[in-house]
Amino acid sequence: MLIYGLISFAIAAIGGLILATHVLRGRFAPWALSLLHAAFGALGLLLMIALLVQGAAPQAVLIGFLLLLVAALGGFFLASFHLRRRLPPNAVVLVHAGVAVVGFLTLLTQVL
């Protein structure tokens, strides 16, 4: 299940990279891509919840999950800017991405 979660997060990360380049260049990101990014991130979180509920996951999986959960909350904050037709601050985009990358890498250490 961890592998499937990582694949889901990796797909979300590719979309996130495209979204971030739009915003950092001062343009609105495509809404459809934002929704796909969120969907793959949510799928990854659900897979991590299923893994954690089984009770056999190492502590690093819990830490990675919590980091990605914080990143997801940041994603909701970023989406709120889009809904208000305002570009989010670049710092918020970079923090969202940074927390997500650290969470992803934390989970990846359990596979490698």
PDB file of N, CA and C in Angstrom:
ATOM      1  N   MET A   1       0.821  -1.190   0.000  1.00  0.00           N
ATOM      2  CA  MET A   1       0.000   0.000   0.000  1.00  0.00           C
ATOM      3  C   MET A   1       0.868   1.259   0.000  1.00  0.00           C
ATOM      4  N   LEU A   2       2.016   1.198   0.645  1.00  0.00           N
ATOM      5  CA  LEU A   2       2.927   2.338   0.676  1.00  0.00           C
ATOM      6  C   LEU A   2       3.394   2.691  -0.736  1.00  0.00           C
ATOM      7  N   ILE A   3       3.684   1.677  -1.538  1.00  0.00           N
ATOM      8  CA  ILE A   3       4.132   1.925  -2.912  1.00  0.00           C
ATOM      9  C   ILE A   3       3.043   2.650  -3.711  1.00  0.00           C
ATOM     10  N   TYR A   4       1.794   2.198  -3.578  1.00  0.00           N
ATOM     11  CA  TYR A   4       0.704   2.851  -4.298  1.00  0.00           C
ATOM     12  C   TYR A   4       0.505   4.298  -3.826  1.00  0.00           C
ATOM     13  N   GLY A   5       0.663   4.522  -2.538  1.00  0.00           N
ATOM     14  CA  GLY A   5       0.580   5.877  -2.016  1.00  0.00           C
ATOM     15  C   GLY A   5       1.675   6.758  -2.585  1.00  0.00           C
ATOM     16  N   LEU A   6       2.889   6.222  -2.648  1.00  0.00           N
ATOM     17  CA  LEU A   6       4.007   6.989  -3.209  1.00  0.00           C
ATOM     18  C   LEU A   6       3.781   7.301  -4.683  1.00  0.00           C
ATOM     19  N   ILE A   7       3.225   6.346  -5.422  1.00  0.00           N
ATOM     20  CA  ILE A   7       2.926   6.593  -6.839  1.00  0.00           C
ATOM     21  C   ILE A   7       1.893   7.709  -6.967  1.00  0.00           C
ATOM     22  N   SER A   8       0.871   7.660  -6.131  1.00  0.00           N
ATOM     23  CA  SER A   8      -0.158   8.696  -6.152  1.00  0.00           C
ATOM     24  C   SER A   8       0.436  10.061  -5.821  1.00  0.00           C
ATOM     25  N   PHE A   9       1.280  10.108  -4.797  1.00  0.00           N
ATOM     26  CA  PHE A   9       1.919  11.376  -4.425  1.00  0.00           C
ATOM     27  C   PHE A   9       2.873  11.858  -5.518  1.00  0.00           C
ATOM     28  N   ALA A  10       3.546  10.943  -6.194  1.00  0.00           N
ATOM     29  CA  ALA A  10       4.457  11.335  -7.271  1.00  0.00           C
ATOM     30  C   ALA A  10       3.691  11.963  -8.433  1.00  0.00           C
ATOM     31  N   ILE A  11       2.541  11.383  -8.771  1.00  0.00           N
ATOM     32  CA  ILE A  11       1.716  11.959  -9.834  1.00  0.00           C
ATOM     33  C   ILE A  11       1.222  13.342  -9.401  1.00  0.00           C
ATOM     34  N   ALA A  12       0.802  13.451  -8.142  1.00  0.00           N
ATOM     35  CA  ALA A  12       0.374  14.755  -7.618  1.00  0.00           C
ATOM     36  C   ALA A  12       1.521  15.759  -7.677  1.00  0.00           C
ATOM     37  N   ALA A  13       2.734  15.306  -7.400  1.00  0.00           N
ATOM     38  CA  ALA A  13       3.893  16.198  -7.409  1.00  0.00           C
ATOM     39  C   ALA A  13       4.176  16.733  -8.811  1.00  0.00           C
ATOM     40  N   ILE A  14       4.009  15.887  -9.822  1.00  0.00           N
ATOM     41  CA  ILE A  14       4.217  16.352 -11.196  1.00  0.00           C
ATOM     42  C   ILE A  14       3.218  17.460 -11.524  1.00  0.00           C
ATOM     43  N   GLY A  15       1.963  17.229 -11.161  1.00  0.00           N
ATOM     44  CA  GLY A  15       0.958  18.270 -11.365  1.00  0.00           C
ATOM     45  C   GLY A  15       1.264  19.522 -10.561  1.00  0.00           C
ATOM     46  N   GLY A  16       1.724  19.321  -9.334  1.00  0.00           N
ATOM     47  CA  GLY A  16       2.066  20.453  -8.478  1.00  0.00           C
ATOM     48  C   GLY A  16       3.198  21.290  -9.041  1.00  0.00           C
ATOM     49  N   LEU A  17       4.147  20.627  -9.661  1.00  0.00           N
ATOM     50  CA  LEU A  17       5.260  21.354 -10.275  1.00  0.00           C
ATOM     51  C   LEU A  17       4.762  22.260 -11.404  1.00  0.00           C
ATOM     52  N   ILE A  18       3.862  21.736 -12.198  1.00  0.00           N
ATOM     53  CA  ILE A  18       3.278  22.537 -13.285  1.00  0.00           C
ATOM     54  C   ILE A  18       2.463  23.693 -12.711  1.00  0.00           C
ATOM     55  N   LEU A  19       1.672  23.401 -11.673  1.00  0.00           N
ATOM     56  CA  LEU A  19       0.867  24.454 -11.040  1.00  0.00           C
ATOM     57  C   LEU A  19       1.761  25.549 -10.461  1.00  0.00           C
ATOM     58  N   ALA A  20       2.812  25.133  -9.769  1.00  0.00           N
ATOM     59  CA  ALA A  20       3.704  26.109  -9.138  1.00  0.00           C
ATOM     60  C   ALA A  20       4.386  26.994 -10.173  1.00  0.00           C
ATOM     61  N   THR A  21       4.783  26.417 -11.316  1.00  0.00           N
ATOM     62  CA  THR A  21       5.435  27.251 -12.328  1.00  0.00           C
ATOM     63  C   THR A  21       4.480  28.321 -12.857  1.00  0.00           C
ATOM     64  N   HIS A  22       3.205  27.986 -12.980  1.00  0.00           N
ATOM     65  CA  HIS A  22       2.229  28.994 -13.395  1.00  0.00           C
ATOM     66  C   HIS A  22       2.169  30.133 -12.382  1.00  0.00           C
ATOM     67  N   VAL A  23       1.975  29.763 -11.120  1.00  0.00           N
ATOM     68  CA  VAL A  23       1.781  30.779 -10.084  1.00  0.00           C
ATOM     69  C   VAL A  23       3.045  31.613  -9.889  1.00  0.00           C
ATOM     70  N   LEU A  24       4.198  30.964  -9.887  1.00  0.00           N
ATOM     71  CA  LEU A  24       5.440  31.710  -9.686  1.00  0.00           C
ATOM     72  C   LEU A  24       5.752  32.644 -10.847  1.00  0.00           C
ATOM     73  N   ARG A  25       5.137  32.405 -11.993  1.00  0.00           N
ATOM     74  CA  ARG A  25       5.286  33.302 -13.149  1.00  0.00           C
ATOM     75  C   ARG A  25       4.185  34.355 -13.203  1.00  0.00           C
ATOM     76  N   GLY A  26       3.344  34.377 -12.167  1.00  0.00           N
ATOM     77  CA  GLY A  26       2.307  35.396 -12.091  1.00  0.00           C
ATOM     78  C   GLY A  26       1.046  35.079 -12.875  1.00  0.00           C
ATOM     79  N   ARG A  27       0.827  33.797 -13.177  1.00  0.00           N
ATOM     80  CA  ARG A  27      -0.367  33.398 -13.925  1.00  0.00           C
ATOM     81  C   ARG A  27      -1.203  32.447 -13.075  1.00  0.00           C
ATOM     82  N   PHE A  28      -2.490  32.418 -13.354  1.00  0.00           N
ATOM     83  CA  PHE A  28      -3.360  31.472 -12.662  1.00  0.00           C
ATOM     84  C   PHE A  28      -3.102  30.070 -13.190  1.00  0.00           C
ATOM     85  N   ALA A  29      -3.112  29.119 -12.293  1.00  0.00           N
ATOM     86  CA  ALA A  29      -2.940  27.727 -12.667  1.00  0.00           C
ATOM     87  C   ALA A  29      -4.256  27.196 -13.228  1.00  0.00           C
ATOM     88  N   PRO A  30      -4.181  26.236 -14.144  1.00  0.00           N
ATOM     89  CA  PRO A  30      -5.425  25.644 -14.670  1.00  0.00           C
ATOM     90  C   PRO A  30      -6.211  24.958 -13.557  1.00  0.00           C
ATOM     91  N   TRP A  31      -7.493  25.293 -13.450  1.00  0.00           N
ATOM     92  CA  TRP A  31      -8.313  24.755 -12.364  1.00  0.00           C
ATOM     93  C   TRP A  31      -8.437  23.240 -12.459  1.00  0.00           C
ATOM     94  N   ALA A  32      -8.576  22.706 -13.673  1.00  0.00           N
ATOM     95  CA  ALA A  32      -8.715  21.248 -13.840  1.00  0.00           C
ATOM     96  C   ALA A  32      -7.465  20.532 -13.319  1.00  0.00           C
ATOM     97  N   LEU A  33      -6.299  21.085 -13.598  1.00  0.00           N
ATOM     98  CA  LEU A  33      -5.065  20.468 -13.105  1.00  0.00           C
ATOM     99  C   LEU A  33      -4.992  20.577 -11.584  1.00  0.00           C
ATOM    100  N   SER A  34      -5.475  21.670 -11.032  1.00  0.00           N
ATOM    101  CA  SER A  34      -5.517  21.812  -9.567  1.00  0.00           C
ATOM    102  C   SER A  34      -6.376  20.721  -8.943  1.00  0.00           C
ATOM    103  N   LEU A  35      -7.500  20.428  -9.571  1.00  0.00           N
ATOM    104  CA  LEU A  35      -8.382  19.387  -9.047  1.00  0.00           C
ATOM    105  C   LEU A  35      -7.748  18.005  -9.155  1.00  0.00           C
ATOM    106  N   LEU A  36      -7.055  17.727 -10.256  1.00  0.00           N
ATOM    107  CA  LEU A  36      -6.360  16.446 -10.394  1.00  0.00           C
ATOM    108  C   LEU A  36      -5.231  16.319  -9.366  1.00  0.00           C
ATOM    109  N   HIS A  37      -4.502  17.400  -9.163  1.00  0.00           N
ATOM    110  CA  HIS A  37      -3.431  17.443  -8.168  1.00  0.00           C
ATOM    111  C   HIS A  37      -4.000  17.115  -6.788  1.00  0.00           C
ATOM    112  N   ALA A  38      -5.115  17.738  -6.461  1.00  0.00           N
ATOM    113  CA  ALA A  38      -5.756  17.497  -5.168  1.00  0.00           C
ATOM    114  C   ALA A  38      -6.275  16.068  -5.069  1.00  0.00           C
ATOM    115  N   ALA A  39      -6.830  15.550  -6.144  1.00  0.00           N
ATOM    116  CA  ALA A  39      -7.388  14.193  -6.118  1.00  0.00           C
ATOM    117  C   ALA A  39      -6.295  13.148  -5.889  1.00  0.00           C
ATOM    118  N   PHE A  40      -5.180  13.286  -6.581  1.00  0.00           N
ATOM    119  CA  PHE A  40      -4.095  12.321  -6.386  1.00  0.00           C
ATOM    120  C   PHE A  40      -3.464  12.468  -5.003  1.00  0.00           C
ATOM    121  N   GLY A  41      -3.377  13.696  -4.505  1.00  0.00           N
ATOM    122  CA  GLY A  41      -2.887  13.894  -3.143  1.00  0.00           C
ATOM    123  C   GLY A  41      -3.824  13.276  -2.119  1.00  0.00           C
ATOM    124  N   ALA A  42      -5.124  13.455  -2.320  1.00  0.00           N
ATOM    125  CA  ALA A  42      -6.114  12.877  -1.406  1.00  0.00           C
ATOM    126  C   ALA A  42      -6.082  11.352  -1.459  1.00  0.00           C
ATOM    127  N   LEU A  43      -5.926  10.796  -2.652  1.00  0.00           N
ATOM    128  CA  LEU A  43      -5.828   9.345  -2.783  1.00  0.00           C
ATOM    129  C   LEU A  43      -4.618   8.825  -2.014  1.00  0.00           C
ATOM    130  N   GLY A  44      -3.500   9.511  -2.140  1.00  0.00           N
ATOM    131  CA  GLY A  44      -2.308   9.118  -1.393  1.00  0.00           C
ATOM    132  C   GLY A  44      -2.533   9.169   0.108  1.00  0.00           C
ATOM    133  N   LEU A  45      -3.201  10.221   0.570  1.00  0.00           N
ATOM    134  CA  LEU A  45      -3.489  10.332   2.002  1.00  0.00           C
ATOM    135  C   LEU A  45      -4.415   9.208   2.470  1.00  0.00           C
ATOM    136  N   LEU A  46      -5.411   8.875   1.661  1.00  0.00           N
ATOM    137  CA  LEU A  46      -6.308   7.777   2.028  1.00  0.00           C
ATOM    138  C   LEU A  46      -5.563   6.451   2.104  1.00  0.00           C
ATOM    139  N   LEU A  47      -4.657   6.235   1.181  1.00  0.00           N
ATOM    140  CA  LEU A  47      -3.863   5.005   1.224  1.00  0.00           C
ATOM    141  C   LEU A  47      -2.971   4.966   2.460  1.00  0.00           C
ATOM    142  N   MET A  48      -2.436   6.114   2.850  1.00  0.00           N
ATOM    143  CA  MET A  48      -1.605   6.156   4.056  1.00  0.00           C
ATOM    144  C   MET A  48      -2.455   5.921   5.308  1.00  0.00           C
ATOM    145  N   ILE A  49      -3.668   6.453   5.319  1.00  0.00           N
ATOM    146  CA  ILE A  49      -4.570   6.204   6.451  1.00  0.00           C
ATOM    147  C   ILE A  49      -4.859   4.716   6.558  1.00  0.00           C
ATOM    148  N   ALA A  50      -5.142   4.077   5.431  1.00  0.00           N
ATOM    149  CA  ALA A  50      -5.413   2.637   5.439  1.00  0.00           C
ATOM    150  C   ALA A  50      -4.209   1.863   5.966  1.00  0.00           C
ATOM    151  N   LEU A  51      -3.024   2.274   5.578  1.00  0.00           N
ATOM    152  CA  LEU A  51      -1.804   1.619   6.049  1.00  0.00           C
ATOM    153  C   LEU A  51      -1.609   1.833   7.550  1.00  0.00           C
ATOM    154  N   LEU A  52      -1.856   3.048   8.011  1.00  0.00           N
ATOM    155  CA  LEU A  52      -1.675   3.354   9.431  1.00  0.00           C
ATOM    156  C   LEU A  52      -2.713   2.654  10.301  1.00  0.00           C
ATOM    157  N   VAL A  53      -3.924   2.501   9.793  1.00  0.00           N
ATOM    158  CA  VAL A  53      -4.978   1.828  10.553  1.00  0.00           C
ATOM    159  C   VAL A  53      -4.633   0.358  10.785  1.00  0.00           C
ATOM    160  N   GLN A  54      -3.912  -0.243   9.858  1.00  0.00           N
ATOM    161  CA  GLN A  54      -3.493  -1.635  10.015  1.00  0.00           C
ATOM    162  C   GLN A  54      -2.549  -1.808  11.202  1.00  0.00           C
ATOM    163  N   GLY A  55      -1.874  -0.730  11.584  1.00  0.00           N
ATOM    164  CA  GLY A  55      -1.077  -0.734  12.797  1.00  0.00           C
ATOM    165  C   GLY A  55       0.351  -1.236  12.685  1.00  0.00           C
ATOM    166  N   ALA A  56       0.784  -1.646  11.528  1.00  0.00           N
ATOM    167  CA  ALA A  56       2.130  -2.196  11.407  1.00  0.00           C
ATOM    168  C   ALA A  56       3.109  -1.238  10.730  1.00  0.00           C
ATOM    169  N   ALA A  57       2.705   0.004  10.551  1.00  0.00           N
ATOM    170  CA  ALA A  57       3.550   0.959   9.838  1.00  0.00           C
ATOM    171  C   ALA A  57       4.620   1.530  10.766  1.00  0.00           C
ATOM    172  N   PRO A  58       5.827   1.720  10.241  1.00  0.00           N
ATOM    173  CA  PRO A  58       6.880   2.363  11.040  1.00  0.00           C
ATOM    174  C   PRO A  58       6.533   3.821  11.365  1.00  0.00           C
ATOM    175  N   GLN A  59       7.200   4.362  12.349  1.00  0.00           N
ATOM    176  CA  GLN A  59       6.935   5.738  12.775  1.00  0.00           C
ATOM    177  C   GLN A  59       7.198   6.737  11.651  1.00  0.00           C
ATOM    178  N   ALA A  60       8.152   6.445  10.781  1.00  0.00           N
ATOM    179  CA  ALA A  60       8.454   7.355   9.674  1.00  0.00           C
ATOM    180  C   ALA A  60       7.251   7.506   8.745  1.00  0.00           C
ATOM    181  N   VAL A  61       6.450   6.461   8.609  1.00  0.00           N
ATOM    182  CA  VAL A  61       5.245   6.555   7.772  1.00  0.00           C
ATOM    183  C   VAL A  61       4.259   7.533   8.406  1.00  0.00           C
ATOM    184  N   LEU A  62       4.103   7.474   9.717  1.00  0.00           N
ATOM    185  CA  LEU A  62       3.222   8.420  10.409  1.00  0.00           C
ATOM    186  C   LEU A  62       3.732   9.846  10.243  1.00  0.00           C
ATOM    187  N   ILE A  63       5.015  10.049  10.380  1.00  0.00           N
ATOM    188  CA  ILE A  63       5.594  11.389  10.236  1.00  0.00           C
ATOM    189  C   ILE A  63       5.390  11.903   8.813  1.00  0.00           C
ATOM    190  N   GLY A  64       5.672  11.054   7.821  1.00  0.00           N
ATOM    191  CA  GLY A  64       5.458  11.447   6.428  1.00  0.00           C
ATOM    192  C   GLY A  64       4.008  11.782   6.157  1.00  0.00           C
ATOM    193  N   PHE A  65       3.106  10.963   6.702  1.00  0.00           N
ATOM    194  CA  PHE A  65       1.674  11.219   6.542  1.00  0.00           C
ATOM    195  C   PHE A  65       1.297  12.573   7.141  1.00  0.00           C
ATOM    196  N   LEU A  66       1.769  12.849   8.348  1.00  0.00           N
ATOM    197  CA  LEU A  66       1.432  14.118   9.001  1.00  0.00           C
ATOM    198  C   LEU A  66       1.964  15.310   8.218  1.00  0.00           C
ATOM    199  N   LEU A  67       3.168  15.188   7.674  1.00  0.00           N
ATOM    200  CA  LEU A  67       3.717  16.267   6.859  1.00  0.00           C
ATOM    201  C   LEU A  67       2.871  16.491   5.608  1.00  0.00           C
ATOM    202  N   LEU A  68       2.459  15.408   4.978  1.00  0.00           N
ATOM    203  CA  LEU A  68       1.640  15.533   3.780  1.00  0.00           C
ATOM    204  C   LEU A  68       0.239  16.047   4.106  1.00  0.00           C
ATOM    205  N   LEU A  69      -0.243  15.731   5.290  1.00  0.00           N
ATOM    206  CA  LEU A  69      -1.523  16.273   5.733  1.00  0.00           C
ATOM    207  C   LEU A  69      -1.429  17.792   5.917  1.00  0.00           C
ATOM    208  N   VAL A  70      -0.328  18.247   6.497  1.00  0.00           N
ATOM    209  CA  VAL A  70      -0.103  19.697   6.638  1.00  0.00           C
ATOM    210  C   VAL A  70      -0.012  20.344   5.254  1.00  0.00           C
ATOM    211  N   ALA A  71       0.676  19.676   4.329  1.00  0.00           N
ATOM    212  CA  ALA A  71       0.770  20.199   2.963  1.00  0.00           C
ATOM    213  C   ALA A  71      -0.618  20.282   2.328  1.00  0.00           C
ATOM    214  N   ALA A  72      -1.466  19.292   2.592  1.00  0.00           N
ATOM    215  CA  ALA A  72      -2.827  19.314   2.048  1.00  0.00           C
ATOM    216  C   ALA A  72      -3.613  20.499   2.594  1.00  0.00           C
ATOM    217  N   LEU A  73      -3.454  20.779   3.871  1.00  0.00           N
ATOM    218  CA  LEU A  73      -4.127  21.957   4.439  1.00  0.00           C
ATOM    219  C   LEU A  73      -3.632  23.229   3.762  1.00  0.00           C
ATOM    220  N   GLY A  74      -2.343  23.285   3.489  1.00  0.00           N
ATOM    221  CA  GLY A  74      -1.800  24.415   2.738  1.00  0.00           C
ATOM    222  C   GLY A  74      -2.381  24.491   1.340  1.00  0.00           C
ATOM    223  N   GLY A  75      -2.655  23.335   0.749  1.00  0.00           N
ATOM    224  CA  GLY A  75      -3.276  23.299  -0.571  1.00  0.00           C
ATOM    225  C   GLY A  75      -4.680  23.882  -0.562  1.00  0.00           C
ATOM    226  N   PHE A  76      -5.440  23.602   0.506  1.00  0.00           N
ATOM    227  CA  PHE A  76      -6.762  24.214   0.629  1.00  0.00           C
ATOM    228  C   PHE A  76      -6.645  25.735   0.731  1.00  0.00           C
ATOM    229  N   PHE A  77      -5.640  26.189   1.463  1.00  0.00           N
ATOM    230  CA  PHE A  77      -5.403  27.631   1.587  1.00  0.00           C
ATOM    231  C   PHE A  77      -5.071  28.221   0.216  1.00  0.00           C
ATOM    232  N   LEU A  78      -4.233  27.527  -0.553  1.00  0.00           N
ATOM    233  CA  LEU A  78      -3.893  28.009  -1.888  1.00  0.00           C
ATOM    234  C   LEU A  78      -5.125  28.026  -2.796  1.00  0.00           C
ATOM    235  N   ALA A  79      -5.960  27.011  -2.700  1.00  0.00           N
ATOM    236  CA  ALA A  79      -7.177  26.959  -3.521  1.00  0.00           C
ATOM    237  C   ALA A  79      -8.110  28.120  -3.182  1.00  0.00           C
ATOM    238  N   SER A  80      -8.098  28.544  -1.925  1.00  0.00           N
ATOM    239  CA  SER A  80      -8.965  29.661  -1.538  1.00  0.00           C
ATOM    240  C   SER A  80      -8.572  30.944  -2.275  1.00  0.00           C
ATOM    241  N   PHE A  81      -7.281  31.110  -2.566  1.00  0.00           N
ATOM    242  CA  PHE A  81      -6.857  32.276  -3.346  1.00  0.00           C
ATOM    243  C   PHE A  81      -7.412  32.184  -4.761  1.00  0.00           C
ATOM    244  N   HIS A  82      -7.321  30.989  -5.327  1.00  0.00           N
ATOM    245  CA  HIS A  82      -7.813  30.796  -6.692  1.00  0.00           C
ATOM    246  C   HIS A  82      -9.308  31.091  -6.772  1.00  0.00           C
ATOM    247  N   LEU A  83     -10.051  30.611  -5.778  1.00  0.00           N
ATOM    248  CA  LEU A  83     -11.495  30.850  -5.770  1.00  0.00           C
ATOM    249  C   LEU A  83     -11.838  32.335  -5.656  1.00  0.00           C
ATOM    250  N   ARG A  84     -10.955  33.088  -5.005  1.00  0.00           N
ATOM    251  CA  ARG A  84     -11.163  34.535  -4.860  1.00  0.00           C
ATOM    252  C   ARG A  84     -10.556  35.310  -6.024  1.00  0.00           C
ATOM    253  N   ARG A  85     -10.042  34.566  -7.010  1.00  0.00           N
ATOM    254  CA  ARG A  85      -9.416  35.160  -8.197  1.00  0.00           C
ATOM    255  C   ARG A  85      -8.238  36.051  -7.842  1.00  0.00           C
ATOM    256  N   ARG A  86      -7.430  35.548  -6.909  1.00  0.00           N
ATOM    257  CA  ARG A  86      -6.199  36.246  -6.510  1.00  0.00           C
ATOM    258  C   ARG A  86      -5.066  35.254  -6.585  1.00  0.00           C
ATOM    259  N   LEU A  87      -3.904  35.722  -6.975  1.00  0.00           N
ATOM    260  CA  LEU A  87      -2.735  34.854  -6.966  1.00  0.00           C
ATOM    261  C   LEU A  87      -2.220  34.725  -5.532  1.00  0.00           C
ATOM    262  N   PRO A  88      -1.851  33.524  -5.122  1.00  0.00           N
ATOM    263  CA  PRO A  88      -1.328  33.364  -3.766  1.00  0.00           C
ATOM    264  C   PRO A  88       0.101  33.904  -3.678  1.00  0.00           C
ATOM    265  N   PRO A  89       0.535  34.233  -2.477  1.00  0.00           N
ATOM    266  CA  PRO A  89       1.931  34.665  -2.315  1.00  0.00           C
ATOM    267  C   PRO A  89       2.881  33.515  -2.686  1.00  0.00           C
ATOM    268  N   ASN A  90       3.974  33.875  -3.354  1.00  0.00           N
ATOM    269  CA  ASN A  90       4.945  32.857  -3.757  1.00  0.00           C
ATOM    270  C   ASN A  90       5.471  32.078  -2.563  1.00  0.00           C
ATOM    271  N   ALA A  91       5.624  32.734  -1.428  1.00  0.00           N
ATOM    272  CA  ALA A  91       6.147  32.060  -0.237  1.00  0.00           C
ATOM    273  C   ALA A  91       5.231  30.920   0.197  1.00  0.00           C
ATOM    274  N   VAL A  92       3.933  31.122   0.092  1.00  0.00           N
ATOM    275  CA  VAL A  92       2.982  30.078   0.487  1.00  0.00           C
ATOM    276  C   VAL A  92       3.108  28.884  -0.461  1.00  0.00           C
ATOM    277  N   VAL A  93       3.250  29.158  -1.750  1.00  0.00           N
ATOM    278  CA  VAL A  93       3.427  28.086  -2.734  1.00  0.00           C
ATOM    279  C   VAL A  93       4.688  27.294  -2.418  1.00  0.00           C
ATOM    280  N   LEU A  94       5.765  27.991  -2.121  1.00  0.00           N
ATOM    281  CA  LEU A  94       7.040  27.322  -1.852  1.00  0.00           C
ATOM    282  C   LEU A  94       7.010  26.526  -0.547  1.00  0.00           C
ATOM    283  N   VAL A  95       6.350  27.047   0.475  1.00  0.00           N
ATOM    284  CA  VAL A  95       6.233  26.303   1.731  1.00  0.00           C
ATOM    285  C   VAL A  95       5.378  25.053   1.521  1.00  0.00           C
ATOM    286  N   HIS A  96       4.265  25.193   0.812  1.00  0.00           N
ATOM    287  CA  HIS A  96       3.401  24.043   0.504  1.00  0.00           C
ATOM    288  C   HIS A  96       4.206  22.955  -0.209  1.00  0.00           C
ATOM    289  N   ALA A  97       4.952  23.358  -1.219  1.00  0.00           N
ATOM    290  CA  ALA A  97       5.749  22.394  -1.983  1.00  0.00           C
ATOM    291  C   ALA A  97       6.856  21.782  -1.124  1.00  0.00           C
ATOM    292  N   GLY A  98       7.511  22.606  -0.335  1.00  0.00           N
ATOM    293  CA  GLY A  98       8.604  22.115   0.496  1.00  0.00           C
ATOM    294  C   GLY A  98       8.144  21.092   1.521  1.00  0.00           C
ATOM    295  N   VAL A  99       7.026  21.367   2.182  1.00  0.00           N
ATOM    296  CA  VAL A  99       6.503  20.421   3.177  1.00  0.00           C
ATOM    297  C   VAL A  99       6.099  19.120   2.491  1.00  0.00           C
ATOM    298  N   ALA A 100       5.488  19.226   1.318  1.00  0.00           N
ATOM    299  CA  ALA A 100       5.076  18.025   0.586  1.00  0.00           C
ATOM    300  C   ALA A 100       6.288  17.196   0.162  1.00  0.00           C
ATOM    301  N   VAL A 101       7.333  17.846  -0.294  1.00  0.00           N
ATOM    302  CA  VAL A 101       8.544  17.120  -0.706  1.00  0.00           C
ATOM    303  C   VAL A 101       9.179  16.410   0.481  1.00  0.00           C
ATOM    304  N   VAL A 102       9.263  17.081   1.620  1.00  0.00           N
ATOM    305  CA  VAL A 102       9.840  16.445   2.808  1.00  0.00           C
ATOM    306  C   VAL A 102       8.988  15.252   3.244  1.00  0.00           C
ATOM    307  N   GLY A 103       7.664  15.401   3.198  1.00  0.00           N
ATOM    308  CA  GLY A 103       6.778  14.290   3.537  1.00  0.00           C
ATOM    309  C   GLY A 103       6.953  13.121   2.588  1.00  0.00           C
ATOM    310  N   PHE A 104       7.033  13.421   1.301  1.00  0.00           N
ATOM    311  CA  PHE A 104       7.232  12.375   0.295  1.00  0.00           C
ATOM    312  C   PHE A 104       8.559  11.651   0.513  1.00  0.00           C
ATOM    313  N   LEU A 105       9.613  12.413   0.724  1.00  0.00           N
ATOM    314  CA  LEU A 105      10.930  11.799   0.934  1.00  0.00           C
ATOM    315  C   LEU A 105      10.967  10.972   2.216  1.00  0.00           C
ATOM    316  N   THR A 106      10.240  11.413   3.237  1.00  0.00           N
ATOM    317  CA  THR A 106      10.160  10.642   4.473  1.00  0.00           C
ATOM    318  C   THR A 106       9.520   9.284   4.213  1.00  0.00           C
ATOM    319  N   LEU A 107       8.457   9.273   3.418  1.00  0.00           N
ATOM    320  CA  LEU A 107       7.815   8.003   3.069  1.00  0.00           C
ATOM    321  C   LEU A 107       8.732   7.166   2.170  1.00  0.00           C
ATOM    322  N   LEU A 108       9.417   7.819   1.266  1.00  0.00           N
ATOM    323  CA  LEU A 108      10.292   7.105   0.333  1.00  0.00           C
ATOM    324  C   LEU A 108      11.420   6.379   1.059  1.00  0.00           C
ATOM    325  N   THR A 109      11.873   6.921   2.179  1.00  0.00           N
ATOM    326  CA  THR A 109      12.944   6.241   2.938  1.00  0.00           C
ATOM    327  C   THR A 109      12.521   4.869   3.423  1.00  0.00           C
ATOM    328  N   GLN A 110      11.228   4.655   3.543  1.00  0.00           N
ATOM    329  CA  GLN A 110      10.736   3.364   4.011  1.00  0.00           C
ATOM    330  C   GLN A 110      10.726   2.314   2.902  1.00  0.00           C
ATOM    331  N   VAL A 111      10.831   2.756   1.676  1.00  0.00           N
ATOM    332  CA  VAL A 111      10.846   1.840   0.545  1.00  0.00           C
ATOM    333  C   VAL A 111      12.267   1.523   0.125  1.00  0.00           C
ATOM    334  N   LEU A 112      13.121   2.491   0.226  1.00  0.00           N
ATOM    335  CA  LEU A 112      14.513   2.311  -0.238  1.00  0.00           C
ATOM    336  C   LEU A 112      15.380   1.644   0.771  1.00  0.00           C
TER     337      LEU A 112
END
